[in-house]
């Protein structure tokens, strides 16, 4: 189990879309941590050149990253936290086309969506365990953030900004370094 919590790559099957790594960040309510991670990833992906990676047989291909987010106990339709939006704005995270975090609403992760994602990135070890319990068939896709991300819900803006800084560092480590993807 400890291996699941610390790995940064998924062994086994190649992504369903060879040149796009589709990730889904998963937290509790899908109003703070996971939508901030989604926004950071999509903004970073638009700033990063596509990465060339080796594939089976020594062939090279280019891979982009796209992100969405879901909650395990979300109140579907609830808006993103105002402090999450403010923290993203203050950090200069630009909303993407079709991924504008200002209009984000919470969604619960459902079994029928699992094939839409190559990685399910849990914001904490507890989220990873809940993902395993609910969706054991998705075990090869479940990854944890490098450091568990504390829930800022109910905190002030400085709490959200600290959370966003931890998310940004984790996203960078998981998805935008030479060792990732």
N, C-alpha and C. Protein backbone atom coordinates (compact mmCIF):
# COMPACT_ATOMS: atom_id res chain seq x y z
N UNK A 1 0.82 -1.20 0.00
CA UNK A 1 0.00 0.00 0.00
C UNK A 1 0.86 1.26 0.00
N UNK A 2 1.98 1.24 0.72
CA UNK A 2 2.85 2.42 0.75
C UNK A 2 3.33 2.78 -0.65
N UNK A 3 3.55 1.75 -1.48
CA UNK A 3 3.98 2.01 -2.85
C UNK A 3 2.95 2.82 -3.60
N UNK A 4 1.67 2.51 -3.42
CA UNK A 4 0.59 3.25 -4.08
C UNK A 4 0.64 4.72 -3.70
N UNK A 5 0.93 4.98 -2.46
CA UNK A 5 0.86 6.35 -1.97
C UNK A 5 2.01 7.22 -2.45
N UNK A 6 3.11 6.61 -2.90
CA UNK A 6 4.26 7.43 -3.24
C UNK A 6 4.64 7.39 -4.70
N UNK A 7 4.05 6.50 -5.48
CA UNK A 7 4.51 6.42 -6.87
C UNK A 7 4.09 7.63 -7.67
N UNK A 8 4.89 7.93 -8.68
CA UNK A 8 4.58 9.09 -9.51
C UNK A 8 4.32 8.68 -10.95
N UNK A 9 4.37 7.41 -11.23
CA UNK A 9 4.06 6.93 -12.57
C UNK A 9 3.13 5.74 -12.48
N UNK A 10 2.37 5.52 -13.51
CA UNK A 10 1.46 4.41 -13.55
C UNK A 10 2.06 3.34 -14.44
N UNK A 11 2.33 2.15 -13.90
CA UNK A 11 2.81 1.06 -14.75
C UNK A 11 1.64 0.45 -15.51
N UNK A 12 1.94 -0.38 -16.46
CA UNK A 12 0.87 -1.11 -17.14
C UNK A 12 0.44 -0.47 -18.43
N UNK A 13 -0.85 -0.42 -18.61
CA UNK A 13 -1.42 0.01 -19.88
C UNK A 13 -1.05 1.44 -20.24
N UNK A 14 -0.89 1.66 -21.54
CA UNK A 14 -0.66 3.00 -22.05
C UNK A 14 -1.97 3.78 -21.97
N UNK A 15 -1.89 5.10 -21.93
CA UNK A 15 -3.13 5.88 -21.93
C UNK A 15 -3.98 5.56 -23.16
N UNK A 16 -5.27 5.70 -23.01
CA UNK A 16 -6.18 5.40 -24.12
C UNK A 16 -5.97 6.36 -25.28
N UNK A 17 -5.61 7.58 -25.01
CA UNK A 17 -5.30 8.54 -26.05
C UNK A 17 -3.80 8.75 -25.97
N UNK A 18 -3.07 8.20 -26.93
CA UNK A 18 -1.62 8.10 -26.84
C UNK A 18 -0.92 9.43 -26.60
N UNK A 19 -1.41 10.51 -27.16
CA UNK A 19 -0.67 11.76 -27.00
C UNK A 19 -1.29 12.73 -26.00
N UNK A 20 -2.28 12.29 -25.23
CA UNK A 20 -2.87 13.13 -24.19
C UNK A 20 -2.99 12.31 -22.91
N UNK A 21 -2.36 12.80 -21.84
CA UNK A 21 -2.52 12.19 -20.53
C UNK A 21 -3.69 12.90 -19.86
N UNK A 22 -4.76 12.16 -19.62
CA UNK A 22 -5.98 12.72 -19.05
C UNK A 22 -6.01 12.41 -17.56
N UNK A 23 -5.88 13.44 -16.73
CA UNK A 23 -5.86 13.25 -15.30
C UNK A 23 -7.11 13.83 -14.67
N UNK A 24 -7.49 13.23 -13.55
CA UNK A 24 -8.62 13.73 -12.77
C UNK A 24 -8.15 13.87 -11.33
N UNK A 25 -8.18 15.08 -10.80
CA UNK A 25 -7.84 15.32 -9.41
C UNK A 25 -9.08 15.04 -8.57
N UNK A 26 -8.87 14.33 -7.45
CA UNK A 26 -10.00 13.91 -6.62
C UNK A 26 -9.77 14.35 -5.18
N UNK A 27 -10.76 15.07 -4.64
CA UNK A 27 -10.74 15.45 -3.22
C UNK A 27 -12.10 15.11 -2.62
N UNK A 28 -12.46 15.76 -1.56
CA UNK A 28 -13.70 15.44 -0.86
C UNK A 28 -14.92 16.06 -1.55
N UNK A 29 -14.99 17.37 -1.59
CA UNK A 29 -16.20 18.04 -2.07
C UNK A 29 -16.11 18.66 -3.44
N UNK A 30 -14.91 18.68 -4.06
CA UNK A 30 -14.70 19.24 -5.39
C UNK A 30 -15.05 20.72 -5.47
N UNK A 31 -14.76 21.45 -4.38
CA UNK A 31 -14.97 22.90 -4.39
C UNK A 31 -13.69 23.68 -4.06
N UNK A 32 -12.64 23.01 -3.61
CA UNK A 32 -11.42 23.72 -3.21
C UNK A 32 -10.18 23.11 -3.86
N UNK A 33 -9.68 22.01 -3.28
CA UNK A 33 -8.39 21.45 -3.70
C UNK A 33 -8.38 20.93 -5.12
N UNK A 34 -9.29 20.04 -5.45
CA UNK A 34 -9.23 19.44 -6.79
C UNK A 34 -9.50 20.44 -7.91
N UNK A 35 -10.44 21.40 -7.77
CA UNK A 35 -10.57 22.37 -8.85
C UNK A 35 -9.36 23.30 -8.97
N UNK A 36 -8.69 23.59 -7.84
CA UNK A 36 -7.47 24.39 -7.93
C UNK A 36 -6.39 23.60 -8.66
N UNK A 37 -6.27 22.31 -8.37
CA UNK A 37 -5.28 21.47 -9.06
C UNK A 37 -5.60 21.37 -10.55
N UNK A 38 -6.86 21.24 -10.88
CA UNK A 38 -7.29 21.21 -12.28
C UNK A 38 -6.87 22.50 -12.98
N UNK A 39 -7.13 23.64 -12.35
CA UNK A 39 -6.80 24.93 -12.96
C UNK A 39 -5.29 25.09 -13.14
N UNK A 40 -4.52 24.73 -12.12
CA UNK A 40 -3.06 24.84 -12.20
C UNK A 40 -2.53 23.95 -13.32
N UNK A 41 -3.03 22.73 -13.41
CA UNK A 41 -2.55 21.79 -14.43
C UNK A 41 -2.88 22.29 -15.83
N UNK A 42 -4.11 22.70 -16.05
CA UNK A 42 -4.49 23.15 -17.38
C UNK A 42 -3.76 24.43 -17.78
N UNK A 43 -3.53 25.33 -16.83
CA UNK A 43 -2.76 26.55 -17.14
C UNK A 43 -1.30 26.19 -17.42
N UNK A 44 -0.74 25.29 -16.63
CA UNK A 44 0.66 24.88 -16.84
C UNK A 44 0.82 24.15 -18.16
N UNK A 45 -0.14 23.31 -18.49
CA UNK A 45 -0.07 22.55 -19.75
C UNK A 45 -0.09 23.48 -20.95
N UNK A 46 -0.82 24.57 -20.84
CA UNK A 46 -0.86 25.50 -21.97
C UNK A 46 0.44 26.30 -22.08
N UNK A 47 1.19 26.40 -20.98
CA UNK A 47 2.47 27.10 -20.98
C UNK A 47 3.65 26.20 -21.35
N UNK A 48 3.48 24.89 -21.13
CA UNK A 48 4.58 23.93 -21.35
C UNK A 48 4.56 23.44 -22.79
N UNK A 49 5.75 23.27 -23.38
CA UNK A 49 5.76 22.59 -24.68
C UNK A 49 5.39 21.13 -24.46
N UNK A 50 4.80 20.53 -25.47
CA UNK A 50 4.46 19.12 -25.34
C UNK A 50 5.73 18.33 -25.14
N UNK A 51 5.66 17.30 -24.28
CA UNK A 51 6.83 16.51 -23.93
C UNK A 51 6.97 15.33 -24.86
N UNK A 52 8.20 15.08 -25.30
CA UNK A 52 8.47 13.89 -26.08
C UNK A 52 8.89 12.79 -25.13
N UNK A 53 8.28 11.64 -25.22
CA UNK A 53 8.55 10.52 -24.33
C UNK A 53 8.78 9.27 -25.15
N UNK A 54 9.60 8.38 -24.63
CA UNK A 54 9.81 7.09 -25.29
C UNK A 54 8.58 6.23 -25.08
N UNK A 55 8.23 5.47 -26.09
CA UNK A 55 7.15 4.52 -25.95
C UNK A 55 7.69 3.14 -26.28
N UNK A 56 6.83 2.16 -26.31
CA UNK A 56 7.24 0.80 -26.61
C UNK A 56 7.93 0.75 -27.96
N UNK A 57 9.04 0.04 -28.04
CA UNK A 57 9.76 -0.11 -29.29
C UNK A 57 10.67 1.05 -29.62
N UNK A 58 10.91 1.94 -28.67
CA UNK A 58 11.84 3.04 -28.89
C UNK A 58 11.27 4.19 -29.70
N UNK A 59 10.01 4.12 -30.07
CA UNK A 59 9.38 5.21 -30.81
C UNK A 59 9.19 6.40 -29.87
N UNK A 60 9.22 7.59 -30.43
CA UNK A 60 8.95 8.77 -29.61
C UNK A 60 7.60 9.35 -30.00
N UNK A 61 6.96 9.90 -29.02
CA UNK A 61 5.68 10.56 -29.28
C UNK A 61 5.59 11.78 -28.36
N UNK A 62 4.67 12.63 -28.67
CA UNK A 62 4.47 13.83 -27.88
C UNK A 62 3.25 13.63 -27.00
N UNK A 63 3.32 14.15 -25.77
CA UNK A 63 2.18 13.98 -24.88
C UNK A 63 1.83 15.31 -24.22
N UNK A 64 0.55 15.62 -24.22
CA UNK A 64 0.00 16.76 -23.51
C UNK A 64 -0.71 16.26 -22.26
N UNK A 65 -0.99 17.16 -21.36
CA UNK A 65 -1.73 16.83 -20.15
C UNK A 65 -3.00 17.66 -20.14
N UNK A 66 -4.12 17.03 -19.86
CA UNK A 66 -5.37 17.74 -19.64
C UNK A 66 -5.93 17.28 -18.30
N UNK A 67 -6.60 18.17 -17.61
CA UNK A 67 -7.09 17.85 -16.27
C UNK A 67 -8.55 18.21 -16.08
N UNK A 68 -9.18 17.39 -15.25
CA UNK A 68 -10.52 17.65 -14.74
C UNK A 68 -10.46 17.37 -13.25
N UNK A 69 -11.57 17.56 -12.56
CA UNK A 69 -11.60 17.26 -11.14
C UNK A 69 -12.97 16.74 -10.73
N UNK A 70 -12.95 15.97 -9.66
CA UNK A 70 -14.18 15.40 -9.11
C UNK A 70 -14.02 15.30 -7.59
N UNK A 71 -15.15 15.06 -6.92
CA UNK A 71 -15.14 14.84 -5.47
C UNK A 71 -15.68 13.48 -5.13
N UNK A 72 -15.31 12.99 -3.97
CA UNK A 72 -15.83 11.71 -3.49
C UNK A 72 -17.16 11.89 -2.77
N UNK A 73 -17.34 13.04 -2.14
CA UNK A 73 -18.57 13.33 -1.40
C UNK A 73 -19.10 14.70 -1.81
N UNK A 74 -19.09 14.97 -3.09
CA UNK A 74 -19.47 16.30 -3.60
C UNK A 74 -20.97 16.51 -3.53
N UNK A 75 -21.35 17.76 -3.31
CA UNK A 75 -22.73 18.19 -3.48
C UNK A 75 -22.79 18.71 -4.91
N UNK A 76 -23.22 17.84 -5.82
CA UNK A 76 -23.19 18.18 -7.24
C UNK A 76 -23.84 19.53 -7.50
N UNK A 77 -23.13 20.36 -8.29
CA UNK A 77 -23.63 21.67 -8.66
C UNK A 77 -23.17 22.80 -7.76
N UNK A 78 -22.56 22.49 -6.62
CA UNK A 78 -22.09 23.54 -5.72
C UNK A 78 -20.94 24.30 -6.38
N UNK A 79 -20.90 25.61 -6.26
CA UNK A 79 -19.84 26.38 -6.91
C UNK A 79 -18.49 26.22 -6.22
N UNK A 80 -17.45 26.53 -6.95
CA UNK A 80 -16.11 26.56 -6.39
C UNK A 80 -16.06 27.59 -5.26
N UNK A 81 -15.25 27.33 -4.26
CA UNK A 81 -15.11 28.25 -3.13
C UNK A 81 -14.60 29.61 -3.62
N UNK A 82 -15.17 30.67 -3.08
CA UNK A 82 -14.75 32.02 -3.46
C UNK A 82 -13.27 32.23 -3.14
N UNK A 83 -12.79 31.69 -2.02
CA UNK A 83 -11.37 31.84 -1.68
C UNK A 83 -10.48 31.04 -2.62
N UNK A 84 -10.97 29.94 -3.15
CA UNK A 84 -10.19 29.18 -4.15
C UNK A 84 -10.04 30.02 -5.41
N UNK A 85 -11.11 30.64 -5.85
CA UNK A 85 -11.06 31.50 -7.03
C UNK A 85 -10.10 32.66 -6.79
N UNK A 86 -10.21 33.29 -5.65
CA UNK A 86 -9.36 34.44 -5.35
C UNK A 86 -7.89 34.04 -5.29
N UNK A 87 -7.59 32.90 -4.67
CA UNK A 87 -6.20 32.42 -4.59
C UNK A 87 -5.64 32.15 -5.99
N UNK A 88 -6.44 31.54 -6.86
CA UNK A 88 -6.01 31.29 -8.24
C UNK A 88 -5.75 32.60 -8.98
N UNK A 89 -6.65 33.56 -8.81
CA UNK A 89 -6.48 34.85 -9.47
C UNK A 89 -5.22 35.56 -8.99
N UNK A 90 -5.00 35.57 -7.68
CA UNK A 90 -3.83 36.24 -7.11
C UNK A 90 -2.53 35.58 -7.55
N UNK A 91 -2.59 34.28 -7.81
CA UNK A 91 -1.41 33.55 -8.27
C UNK A 91 -1.19 33.72 -9.77
N UNK A 92 -2.11 34.39 -10.45
CA UNK A 92 -1.97 34.61 -11.88
C UNK A 92 -2.32 33.41 -12.73
N UNK A 93 -3.10 32.49 -12.17
CA UNK A 93 -3.53 31.30 -12.93
C UNK A 93 -4.65 31.72 -13.87
N UNK A 94 -4.36 31.64 -15.15
CA UNK A 94 -5.34 32.04 -16.16
C UNK A 94 -6.38 30.93 -16.37
N UNK A 95 -7.64 31.31 -16.45
CA UNK A 95 -8.65 30.31 -16.80
C UNK A 95 -8.47 29.89 -18.25
N UNK A 96 -8.66 28.62 -18.51
CA UNK A 96 -8.49 28.12 -19.88
C UNK A 96 -9.79 28.15 -20.64
N UNK A 97 -9.64 28.04 -21.95
CA UNK A 97 -10.82 27.97 -22.80
C UNK A 97 -11.52 26.64 -22.52
N UNK A 98 -12.77 26.69 -22.12
CA UNK A 98 -13.51 25.49 -21.80
C UNK A 98 -13.19 24.94 -20.42
N UNK A 99 -12.25 25.57 -19.71
CA UNK A 99 -11.90 25.13 -18.36
C UNK A 99 -11.80 26.32 -17.42
N UNK A 100 -12.75 27.23 -17.53
CA UNK A 100 -12.73 28.44 -16.70
C UNK A 100 -13.16 28.08 -15.28
N UNK A 101 -12.22 28.17 -14.36
CA UNK A 101 -12.50 27.80 -12.97
C UNK A 101 -13.55 28.69 -12.32
N UNK A 102 -13.79 29.88 -12.85
CA UNK A 102 -14.82 30.76 -12.29
C UNK A 102 -16.21 30.10 -12.35
N UNK A 103 -16.43 29.29 -13.36
CA UNK A 103 -17.75 28.67 -13.52
C UNK A 103 -17.77 27.20 -13.09
N UNK A 104 -16.70 26.75 -12.41
CA UNK A 104 -16.64 25.36 -11.96
C UNK A 104 -17.77 25.04 -10.99
N UNK A 105 -18.37 23.88 -11.16
CA UNK A 105 -19.34 23.37 -10.19
C UNK A 105 -18.93 21.95 -9.80
N UNK A 106 -19.19 21.60 -8.56
CA UNK A 106 -18.78 20.32 -8.00
C UNK A 106 -19.46 19.15 -8.71
N UNK A 107 -18.69 18.08 -8.86
CA UNK A 107 -19.21 16.84 -9.44
C UNK A 107 -18.64 15.66 -8.67
N UNK A 108 -19.45 14.67 -8.46
CA UNK A 108 -19.02 13.44 -7.81
C UNK A 108 -18.45 12.50 -8.87
N UNK A 109 -17.32 11.86 -8.55
CA UNK A 109 -16.74 10.87 -9.46
C UNK A 109 -17.65 9.65 -9.52
N UNK A 110 -17.96 9.23 -10.73
CA UNK A 110 -18.85 8.08 -10.94
C UNK A 110 -18.11 6.99 -11.70
N UNK A 111 -18.49 5.76 -11.45
CA UNK A 111 -17.83 4.60 -12.07
C UNK A 111 -17.82 4.69 -13.59
N UNK A 112 -18.88 5.20 -14.17
CA UNK A 112 -18.96 5.27 -15.63
C UNK A 112 -17.97 6.27 -16.23
N UNK A 113 -17.36 7.11 -15.40
CA UNK A 113 -16.38 8.09 -15.89
C UNK A 113 -14.95 7.56 -15.85
N UNK A 114 -14.70 6.47 -15.20
CA UNK A 114 -13.33 6.01 -14.97
C UNK A 114 -12.53 5.87 -16.26
N UNK A 115 -13.16 5.41 -17.33
CA UNK A 115 -12.43 5.24 -18.59
C UNK A 115 -12.07 6.55 -19.27
N UNK A 116 -12.62 7.66 -18.79
CA UNK A 116 -12.28 8.97 -19.36
C UNK A 116 -10.91 9.46 -18.89
N UNK A 117 -10.35 8.81 -17.84
CA UNK A 117 -9.12 9.30 -17.22
C UNK A 117 -8.04 8.23 -17.23
N UNK A 118 -6.80 8.68 -17.44
CA UNK A 118 -5.65 7.80 -17.38
C UNK A 118 -5.11 7.71 -15.95
N UNK A 119 -5.17 8.82 -15.22
CA UNK A 119 -4.75 8.87 -13.82
C UNK A 119 -5.85 9.49 -13.00
N UNK A 120 -6.05 8.95 -11.80
CA UNK A 120 -6.91 9.56 -10.79
C UNK A 120 -5.95 10.03 -9.70
N UNK A 121 -5.78 11.31 -9.56
CA UNK A 121 -4.79 11.84 -8.62
C UNK A 121 -5.50 12.28 -7.33
N UNK A 122 -5.25 11.51 -6.28
CA UNK A 122 -5.85 11.77 -4.98
C UNK A 122 -5.11 12.89 -4.28
N UNK A 123 -5.84 13.78 -3.64
CA UNK A 123 -5.23 14.90 -2.95
C UNK A 123 -4.62 14.49 -1.61
N UNK A 124 -4.99 13.32 -1.09
CA UNK A 124 -4.42 12.81 0.16
C UNK A 124 -4.49 11.29 0.15
N UNK A 125 -3.80 10.68 1.11
CA UNK A 125 -3.83 9.23 1.25
C UNK A 125 -5.26 8.73 1.52
N UNK A 126 -6.02 9.48 2.29
CA UNK A 126 -7.41 9.09 2.59
C UNK A 126 -8.25 9.05 1.32
N UNK A 127 -8.03 10.01 0.43
CA UNK A 127 -8.77 10.00 -0.83
C UNK A 127 -8.36 8.80 -1.67
N UNK A 128 -7.07 8.46 -1.67
CA UNK A 128 -6.61 7.29 -2.43
C UNK A 128 -7.25 6.02 -1.89
N UNK A 129 -7.32 5.89 -0.58
CA UNK A 129 -7.95 4.70 0.02
C UNK A 129 -9.43 4.62 -0.35
N UNK A 130 -10.12 5.74 -0.30
CA UNK A 130 -11.54 5.75 -0.66
C UNK A 130 -11.72 5.40 -2.13
N UNK A 131 -10.84 5.90 -2.99
CA UNK A 131 -10.90 5.53 -4.41
C UNK A 131 -10.73 4.03 -4.59
N UNK A 132 -9.77 3.45 -3.87
CA UNK A 132 -9.55 2.00 -3.95
C UNK A 132 -10.77 1.21 -3.48
N UNK A 133 -11.38 1.67 -2.40
CA UNK A 133 -12.56 0.98 -1.89
C UNK A 133 -13.74 1.05 -2.86
N UNK A 134 -13.95 2.21 -3.43
CA UNK A 134 -15.09 2.38 -4.34
C UNK A 134 -14.84 1.79 -5.72
N UNK A 135 -13.60 1.93 -6.20
CA UNK A 135 -13.28 1.56 -7.58
C UNK A 135 -12.03 0.68 -7.63
N UNK A 136 -12.09 -0.54 -7.09
CA UNK A 136 -10.88 -1.38 -7.08
C UNK A 136 -10.33 -1.66 -8.48
N UNK A 137 -11.21 -1.65 -9.46
CA UNK A 137 -10.77 -1.89 -10.84
C UNK A 137 -9.90 -0.75 -11.38
N UNK A 138 -9.92 0.39 -10.72
CA UNK A 138 -9.13 1.55 -11.15
C UNK A 138 -7.79 1.64 -10.42
N UNK A 139 -7.45 0.65 -9.62
CA UNK A 139 -6.22 0.70 -8.82
C UNK A 139 -4.98 1.11 -9.62
N UNK A 140 -4.76 0.59 -10.84
CA UNK A 140 -3.55 1.00 -11.57
C UNK A 140 -3.52 2.48 -11.97
N UNK A 141 -4.65 3.15 -11.89
CA UNK A 141 -4.73 4.56 -12.28
C UNK A 141 -4.59 5.51 -11.09
N UNK A 142 -4.63 5.00 -9.88
CA UNK A 142 -4.67 5.87 -8.70
C UNK A 142 -3.27 6.28 -8.27
N UNK A 143 -3.09 7.58 -8.15
CA UNK A 143 -1.83 8.19 -7.75
C UNK A 143 -2.14 9.21 -6.67
N UNK A 144 -1.22 9.41 -5.75
CA UNK A 144 -1.37 10.45 -4.73
C UNK A 144 -0.50 11.64 -5.08
N UNK A 145 -0.91 12.79 -4.66
CA UNK A 145 -0.03 13.96 -4.73
C UNK A 145 1.23 13.61 -3.94
N UNK A 146 2.38 14.16 -4.31
CA UNK A 146 3.63 13.83 -3.61
C UNK A 146 3.57 14.10 -2.10
N UNK A 147 2.84 15.13 -1.71
CA UNK A 147 2.62 15.46 -0.31
C UNK A 147 1.12 15.64 -0.13
N UNK A 148 0.52 15.05 0.92
CA UNK A 148 -0.92 15.24 1.12
C UNK A 148 -1.27 16.72 1.21
N UNK A 149 -2.37 17.09 0.56
CA UNK A 149 -2.80 18.48 0.52
C UNK A 149 -3.92 18.67 1.55
N UNK A 150 -3.64 19.52 2.54
CA UNK A 150 -4.62 19.79 3.60
C UNK A 150 -5.82 20.53 3.05
N UNK A 151 -6.97 20.25 3.60
CA UNK A 151 -8.22 20.86 3.16
C UNK A 151 -8.32 22.30 3.68
N UNK A 152 -8.41 23.28 2.78
CA UNK A 152 -8.52 24.67 3.23
C UNK A 152 -9.95 25.10 3.53
N UNK A 153 -10.93 24.23 3.28
CA UNK A 153 -12.33 24.58 3.39
C UNK A 153 -12.61 25.26 4.74
N UNK A 154 -13.23 26.42 4.67
CA UNK A 154 -13.57 27.18 5.87
C UNK A 154 -12.46 28.11 6.33
N UNK A 155 -11.28 27.99 5.72
CA UNK A 155 -10.16 28.84 6.11
C UNK A 155 -10.21 30.19 5.42
N UNK A 156 -9.31 31.05 5.84
CA UNK A 156 -9.23 32.37 5.22
C UNK A 156 -8.40 32.30 3.94
N UNK A 157 -8.27 33.44 3.28
CA UNK A 157 -7.57 33.49 2.00
C UNK A 157 -6.13 33.01 2.13
N UNK A 158 -5.45 33.34 3.21
CA UNK A 158 -4.06 32.90 3.36
C UNK A 158 -3.97 31.37 3.42
N UNK A 159 -4.95 30.74 4.01
CA UNK A 159 -5.00 29.27 4.05
C UNK A 159 -5.14 28.70 2.63
N UNK A 160 -5.97 29.31 1.84
CA UNK A 160 -6.15 28.87 0.45
C UNK A 160 -4.90 29.11 -0.38
N UNK A 161 -4.23 30.21 -0.12
CA UNK A 161 -2.99 30.51 -0.86
C UNK A 161 -1.90 29.50 -0.51
N UNK A 162 -1.81 29.11 0.75
CA UNK A 162 -0.85 28.08 1.16
C UNK A 162 -1.19 26.75 0.50
N UNK A 163 -2.46 26.43 0.48
CA UNK A 163 -2.92 25.19 -0.16
C UNK A 163 -2.56 25.22 -1.65
N UNK A 164 -2.82 26.33 -2.30
CA UNK A 164 -2.51 26.45 -3.73
C UNK A 164 -1.02 26.30 -3.99
N UNK A 165 -0.19 26.84 -3.11
CA UNK A 165 1.27 26.70 -3.28
C UNK A 165 1.67 25.23 -3.20
N UNK A 166 1.10 24.49 -2.26
CA UNK A 166 1.39 23.05 -2.14
C UNK A 166 0.89 22.29 -3.36
N UNK A 167 -0.28 22.64 -3.84
CA UNK A 167 -0.84 22.01 -5.04
C UNK A 167 0.05 22.27 -6.25
N UNK A 168 0.46 23.51 -6.41
CA UNK A 168 1.30 23.90 -7.55
C UNK A 168 2.59 23.10 -7.55
N UNK A 169 3.23 22.98 -6.41
CA UNK A 169 4.47 22.21 -6.31
C UNK A 169 4.22 20.73 -6.62
N UNK A 170 3.14 20.17 -6.09
CA UNK A 170 2.81 18.77 -6.35
C UNK A 170 2.51 18.50 -7.82
N UNK A 171 1.76 19.38 -8.44
CA UNK A 171 1.44 19.24 -9.87
C UNK A 171 2.72 19.30 -10.69
N UNK A 172 3.59 20.23 -10.34
CA UNK A 172 4.87 20.34 -11.05
C UNK A 172 5.65 19.03 -10.95
N UNK A 173 5.76 18.50 -9.73
CA UNK A 173 6.51 17.25 -9.53
C UNK A 173 5.89 16.07 -10.28
N UNK A 174 4.58 15.95 -10.21
CA UNK A 174 3.90 14.81 -10.84
C UNK A 174 3.86 14.88 -12.36
N UNK A 175 3.65 16.08 -12.90
CA UNK A 175 3.30 16.18 -14.31
C UNK A 175 4.24 17.00 -15.19
N UNK A 176 5.07 17.84 -14.61
CA UNK A 176 5.83 18.76 -15.44
C UNK A 176 7.33 18.77 -15.15
N UNK A 177 7.87 17.62 -14.78
CA UNK A 177 9.32 17.50 -14.65
C UNK A 177 9.78 16.42 -15.62
N UNK A 178 11.07 16.34 -15.84
CA UNK A 178 11.60 15.34 -16.78
C UNK A 178 11.30 13.91 -16.33
N UNK A 179 11.19 13.69 -15.01
CA UNK A 179 10.93 12.35 -14.49
C UNK A 179 9.47 11.95 -14.58
N UNK A 180 8.59 12.92 -14.78
CA UNK A 180 7.16 12.62 -14.80
C UNK A 180 6.69 12.19 -16.18
N UNK A 181 5.46 11.77 -16.22
CA UNK A 181 4.77 11.29 -17.40
C UNK A 181 5.54 10.10 -17.89
